[in-house]
Amino acid sequence: MISRVLTAALVVLAFVVLLWGPKGPQHWDANMSPQERAVFEKTVWALGH
């Protein structure tokens, strides 16, 4: 289960980096919807734990 969550988190993170990377982190953070922010925070939490 842990590895499945980690794999999903890595896929989401890779998708996010590919999609928003060129815009830069400040731009991305400023324009992030609440839903996107929730996914991002869950991904960071999953990677950190």
PDB file of N, CA and C in Angstrom:
ATOM      1  N   MET A   1       0.834  -1.204   0.000  1.00  0.00           N
ATOM      2  CA  MET A   1       0.000   0.000   0.000  1.00  0.00           C
ATOM      3  C   MET A   1       0.872   1.260   0.000  1.00  0.00           C
ATOM      4  N   ILE A   2       1.889   1.267   0.841  1.00  0.00           N
ATOM      5  CA  ILE A   2       2.773   2.434   0.904  1.00  0.00           C
ATOM      6  C   ILE A   2       3.427   2.670  -0.462  1.00  0.00           C
ATOM      7  N   SER A   3       3.920   1.605  -1.087  1.00  0.00           N
ATOM      8  CA  SER A   3       4.598   1.769  -2.371  1.00  0.00           C
ATOM      9  C   SER A   3       3.633   2.258  -3.447  1.00  0.00           C
ATOM     10  N   ARG A   4       2.371   1.832  -3.369  1.00  0.00           N
ATOM     11  CA  ARG A   4       1.376   2.285  -4.338  1.00  0.00           C
ATOM     12  C   ARG A   4       1.121   3.780  -4.176  1.00  0.00           C
ATOM     13  N   VAL A   5       1.030   4.227  -2.930  1.00  0.00           N
ATOM     14  CA  VAL A   5       0.831   5.655  -2.651  1.00  0.00           C
ATOM     15  C   VAL A   5       2.039   6.449  -3.125  1.00  0.00           C
ATOM     16  N   LEU A   6       3.223   5.938  -2.854  1.00  0.00           N
ATOM     17  CA  LEU A   6       4.447   6.627  -3.259  1.00  0.00           C
ATOM     18  C   LEU A   6       4.540   6.723  -4.779  1.00  0.00           C
ATOM     19  N   THR A   7       4.204   5.629  -5.461  1.00  0.00           N
ATOM     20  CA  THR A   7       4.224   5.632  -6.924  1.00  0.00           C
ATOM     21  C   THR A   7       3.244   6.651  -7.479  1.00  0.00           C
ATOM     22  N   ALA A   8       2.040   6.675  -6.920  1.00  0.00           N
ATOM     23  CA  ALA A   8       1.030   7.643  -7.361  1.00  0.00           C
ATOM     24  C   ALA A   8       1.512   9.069  -7.120  1.00  0.00           C
ATOM     25  N   ALA A   9       2.138   9.293  -5.971  1.00  0.00           N
ATOM     26  CA  ALA A   9       2.646  10.624  -5.636  1.00  0.00           C
ATOM     27  C   ALA A   9       3.733  11.048  -6.622  1.00  0.00           C
ATOM     28  N   LEU A  10       4.609  10.130  -6.976  1.00  0.00           N
ATOM     29  CA  LEU A  10       5.677  10.445  -7.921  1.00  0.00           C
ATOM     30  C   LEU A  10       5.114  10.761  -9.302  1.00  0.00           C
ATOM     31  N   VAL A  11       4.092  10.009  -9.712  1.00  0.00           N
ATOM     32  CA  VAL A  11       3.453  10.260 -11.006  1.00  0.00           C
ATOM     33  C   VAL A  11       2.812  11.644 -11.020  1.00  0.00           C
ATOM     34  N   VAL A  12       2.091  11.967  -9.944  1.00  0.00           N
ATOM     35  CA  VAL A  12       1.452  13.284  -9.840  1.00  0.00           C
ATOM     36  C   VAL A  12       2.508  14.382  -9.842  1.00  0.00           C
ATOM     37  N   LEU A  13       3.575  14.175  -9.093  1.00  0.00           N
ATOM     38  CA  LEU A  13       4.631  15.178  -9.016  1.00  0.00           C
ATOM     39  C   LEU A  13       5.285  15.388 -10.384  1.00  0.00           C
ATOM     40  N   ALA A  14       5.556  14.294 -11.091  1.00  0.00           N
ATOM     41  CA  ALA A  14       6.144  14.399 -12.428  1.00  0.00           C
ATOM     42  C   ALA A  14       5.210  15.150 -13.376  1.00  0.00           C
ATOM     43  N   PHE A  15       3.916  14.840 -13.292  1.00  0.00           N
ATOM     44  CA  PHE A  15       2.913  15.508 -14.121  1.00  0.00           C
ATOM     45  C   PHE A  15       2.891  17.006 -13.827  1.00  0.00           C
ATOM     46  N   VAL A  16       2.906  17.338 -12.548  1.00  0.00           N
ATOM     47  CA  VAL A  16       2.887  18.743 -12.123  1.00  0.00           C
ATOM     48  C   VAL A  16       4.129  19.472 -12.626  1.00  0.00           C
ATOM     49  N   VAL A  17       5.284  18.851 -12.486  1.00  0.00           N
ATOM     50  CA  VAL A  17       6.536  19.482 -12.926  1.00  0.00           C
ATOM     51  C   VAL A  17       6.521  19.706 -14.435  1.00  0.00           C
ATOM     52  N   LEU A  18       6.044  18.708 -15.180  1.00  0.00           N
ATOM     53  CA  LEU A  18       6.002  18.837 -16.637  1.00  0.00           C
ATOM     54  C   LEU A  18       5.010  19.909 -17.075  1.00  0.00           C
ATOM     55  N   LEU A  19       3.882  19.970 -16.392  1.00  0.00           N
ATOM     56  CA  LEU A  19       2.816  20.883 -16.798  1.00  0.00           C
ATOM     57  C   LEU A  19       3.106  22.321 -16.390  1.00  0.00           C
ATOM     58  N   TRP A  20       3.591  22.500 -15.166  1.00  0.00           N
ATOM     59  CA  TRP A  20       3.743  23.852 -14.624  1.00  0.00           C
ATOM     60  C   TRP A  20       5.193  24.314 -14.496  1.00  0.00           C
ATOM     61  N   GLY A  21       6.133  23.406 -14.694  1.00  0.00           N
ATOM     62  CA  GLY A  21       7.539  23.729 -14.504  1.00  0.00           C
ATOM     63  C   GLY A  21       8.018  24.985 -15.212  1.00  0.00           C
ATOM     64  N   PRO A  22       7.712  25.133 -16.519  1.00  0.00           N
ATOM     65  CA  PRO A  22       8.225  26.303 -17.251  1.00  0.00           C
ATOM     66  C   PRO A  22       7.723  27.643 -16.713  1.00  0.00           C
ATOM     67  N   LYS A  23       6.602  27.638 -16.024  1.00  0.00           N
ATOM     68  CA  LYS A  23       6.041  28.887 -15.507  1.00  0.00           C
ATOM     69  C   LYS A  23       6.774  29.373 -14.258  1.00  0.00           C
ATOM     70  N   GLY A  24       7.469  28.485 -13.598  1.00  0.00           N
ATOM     71  CA  GLY A  24       8.170  28.856 -12.376  1.00  0.00           C
ATOM     72  C   GLY A  24       7.306  28.660 -11.146  1.00  0.00           C
ATOM     73  N   PRO A  25       7.922  28.356 -10.007  1.00  0.00           N
ATOM     74  CA  PRO A  25       7.177  28.054  -8.779  1.00  0.00           C
ATOM     75  C   PRO A  25       6.324  29.210  -8.267  1.00  0.00           C
ATOM     76  N   GLN A  26       6.815  30.455  -8.397  1.00  0.00           N
ATOM     77  CA  GLN A  26       6.022  31.577  -7.884  1.00  0.00           C
ATOM     78  C   GLN A  26       4.734  31.739  -8.684  1.00  0.00           C
ATOM     79  N   HIS A  27       4.869  31.656  -9.984  1.00  0.00           N
ATOM     80  CA  HIS A  27       3.691  31.789 -10.850  1.00  0.00           C
ATOM     81  C   HIS A  27       2.696  30.667 -10.550  1.00  0.00           C
ATOM     82  N   TRP A  28       3.233  29.451 -10.417  1.00  0.00           N
ATOM     83  CA  TRP A  28       2.379  28.292 -10.178  1.00  0.00           C
ATOM     84  C   TRP A  28       1.642  28.437  -8.853  1.00  0.00           C
ATOM     85  N   ASP A  29       2.365  28.823  -7.822  1.00  0.00           N
ATOM     86  CA  ASP A  29       1.762  28.961  -6.498  1.00  0.00           C
ATOM     87  C   ASP A  29       0.677  30.043  -6.505  1.00  0.00           C
ATOM     88  N   ALA A  30       0.927  31.127  -7.203  1.00  0.00           N
ATOM     89  CA  ALA A  30      -0.026  32.240  -7.247  1.00  0.00           C
ATOM     90  C   ALA A  30      -1.302  31.875  -7.997  1.00  0.00           C
ATOM     91  N   ASN A  31      -1.185  30.952  -8.948  1.00  0.00           N
ATOM     92  CA  ASN A  31      -2.331  30.614  -9.786  1.00  0.00           C
ATOM     93  C   ASN A  31      -2.916  29.237  -9.485  1.00  0.00           C
ATOM     94  N   MET A  32      -2.482  28.635  -8.389  1.00  0.00           N
ATOM     95  CA  MET A  32      -2.941  27.297  -8.036  1.00  0.00           C
ATOM     96  C   MET A  32      -4.357  27.358  -7.465  1.00  0.00           C
ATOM     97  N   SER A  33      -5.221  26.508  -7.994  1.00  0.00           N
ATOM     98  CA  SER A  33      -6.581  26.442  -7.450  1.00  0.00           C
ATOM     99  C   SER A  33      -6.548  25.678  -6.126  1.00  0.00           C
ATOM    100  N   PRO A  34      -7.564  25.821  -5.296  1.00  0.00           N
ATOM    101  CA  PRO A  34      -7.599  25.072  -4.023  1.00  0.00           C
ATOM    102  C   PRO A  34      -7.486  23.565  -4.232  1.00  0.00           C
ATOM    103  N   GLN A  35      -8.100  23.073  -5.307  1.00  0.00           N
ATOM    104  CA  GLN A  35      -8.046  21.633  -5.593  1.00  0.00           C
ATOM    105  C   GLN A  35      -6.615  21.211  -5.931  1.00  0.00           C
ATOM    106  N   GLU A  36      -5.953  21.995  -6.766  1.00  0.00           N
ATOM    107  CA  GLU A  36      -4.570  21.697  -7.132  1.00  0.00           C
ATOM    108  C   GLU A  36      -3.665  21.771  -5.908  1.00  0.00           C
ATOM    109  N   ARG A  37      -3.902  22.759  -5.064  1.00  0.00           N
ATOM    110  CA  ARG A  37      -3.102  22.908  -3.850  1.00  0.00           C
ATOM    111  C   ARG A  37      -3.266  21.692  -2.943  1.00  0.00           C
ATOM    112  N   ALA A  38      -4.491  21.190  -2.813  1.00  0.00           N
ATOM    113  CA  ALA A  38      -4.748  20.019  -1.971  1.00  0.00           C
ATOM    114  C   ALA A  38      -3.993  18.805  -2.501  1.00  0.00           C
ATOM    115  N   VAL A  39      -4.023  18.619  -3.818  1.00  0.00           N
ATOM    116  CA  VAL A  39      -3.300  17.497  -4.427  1.00  0.00           C
ATOM    117  C   VAL A  39      -1.802  17.650  -4.194  1.00  0.00           C
ATOM    118  N   PHE A  40      -1.313  18.867  -4.374  1.00  0.00           N
ATOM    119  CA  PHE A  40       0.106  19.138  -4.180  1.00  0.00           C
ATOM    120  C   PHE A  40       0.531  18.857  -2.740  1.00  0.00           C
ATOM    121  N   GLU A  41      -0.276  19.321  -1.785  1.00  0.00           N
ATOM    122  CA  GLU A  41       0.052  19.107  -0.370  1.00  0.00           C
ATOM    123  C   GLU A  41       0.017  17.625  -0.015  1.00  0.00           C
ATOM    124  N   LYS A  42      -0.952  16.887  -0.558  1.00  0.00           N
ATOM    125  CA  LYS A  42      -1.019  15.440  -0.315  1.00  0.00           C
ATOM    126  C   LYS A  42       0.206  14.750  -0.898  1.00  0.00           C
ATOM    127  N   THR A  43       0.627  15.208  -2.082  1.00  0.00           N
ATOM    128  CA  THR A  43       1.805  14.622  -2.726  1.00  0.00           C
ATOM    129  C   THR A  43       3.051  14.871  -1.886  1.00  0.00           C
ATOM    130  N   VAL A  44       3.214  16.104  -1.432  1.00  0.00           N
ATOM    131  CA  VAL A  44       4.367  16.445  -0.596  1.00  0.00           C
ATOM    132  C   VAL A  44       4.341  15.630   0.691  1.00  0.00           C
ATOM    133  N   TRP A  45       3.157  15.503   1.289  1.00  0.00           N
ATOM    134  CA  TRP A  45       3.026  14.731   2.529  1.00  0.00           C
ATOM    135  C   TRP A  45       3.391  13.270   2.281  1.00  0.00           C
ATOM    136  N   ALA A  46       2.903  12.712   1.165  1.00  0.00           N
ATOM    137  CA  ALA A  46       3.182  11.310   0.843  1.00  0.00           C
ATOM    138  C   ALA A  46       4.679  11.093   0.622  1.00  0.00           C
ATOM    139  N   LEU A  47       5.320  12.044  -0.031  1.00  0.00           N
ATOM    140  CA  LEU A  47       6.757  11.921  -0.280  1.00  0.00           C
ATOM    141  C   LEU A  47       7.556  12.087   1.012  1.00  0.00           C
ATOM    142  N   GLY A  48       7.046  12.919   1.909  1.00  0.00           N
ATOM    143  CA  GLY A  48       7.749  13.173   3.165  1.00  0.00           C
ATOM    144  C   GLY A  48       7.538  12.099   4.213  1.00  0.00           C
ATOM    145  N   HIS A  49       6.510  11.289   4.046  1.00  0.00           N
ATOM    146  CA  HIS A  49       6.214  10.247   5.019  1.00  0.00           C
ATOM    147  C   HIS A  49       6.283   8.890   4.363  1.00  0.00           C
TER     148      HIS A  49
END
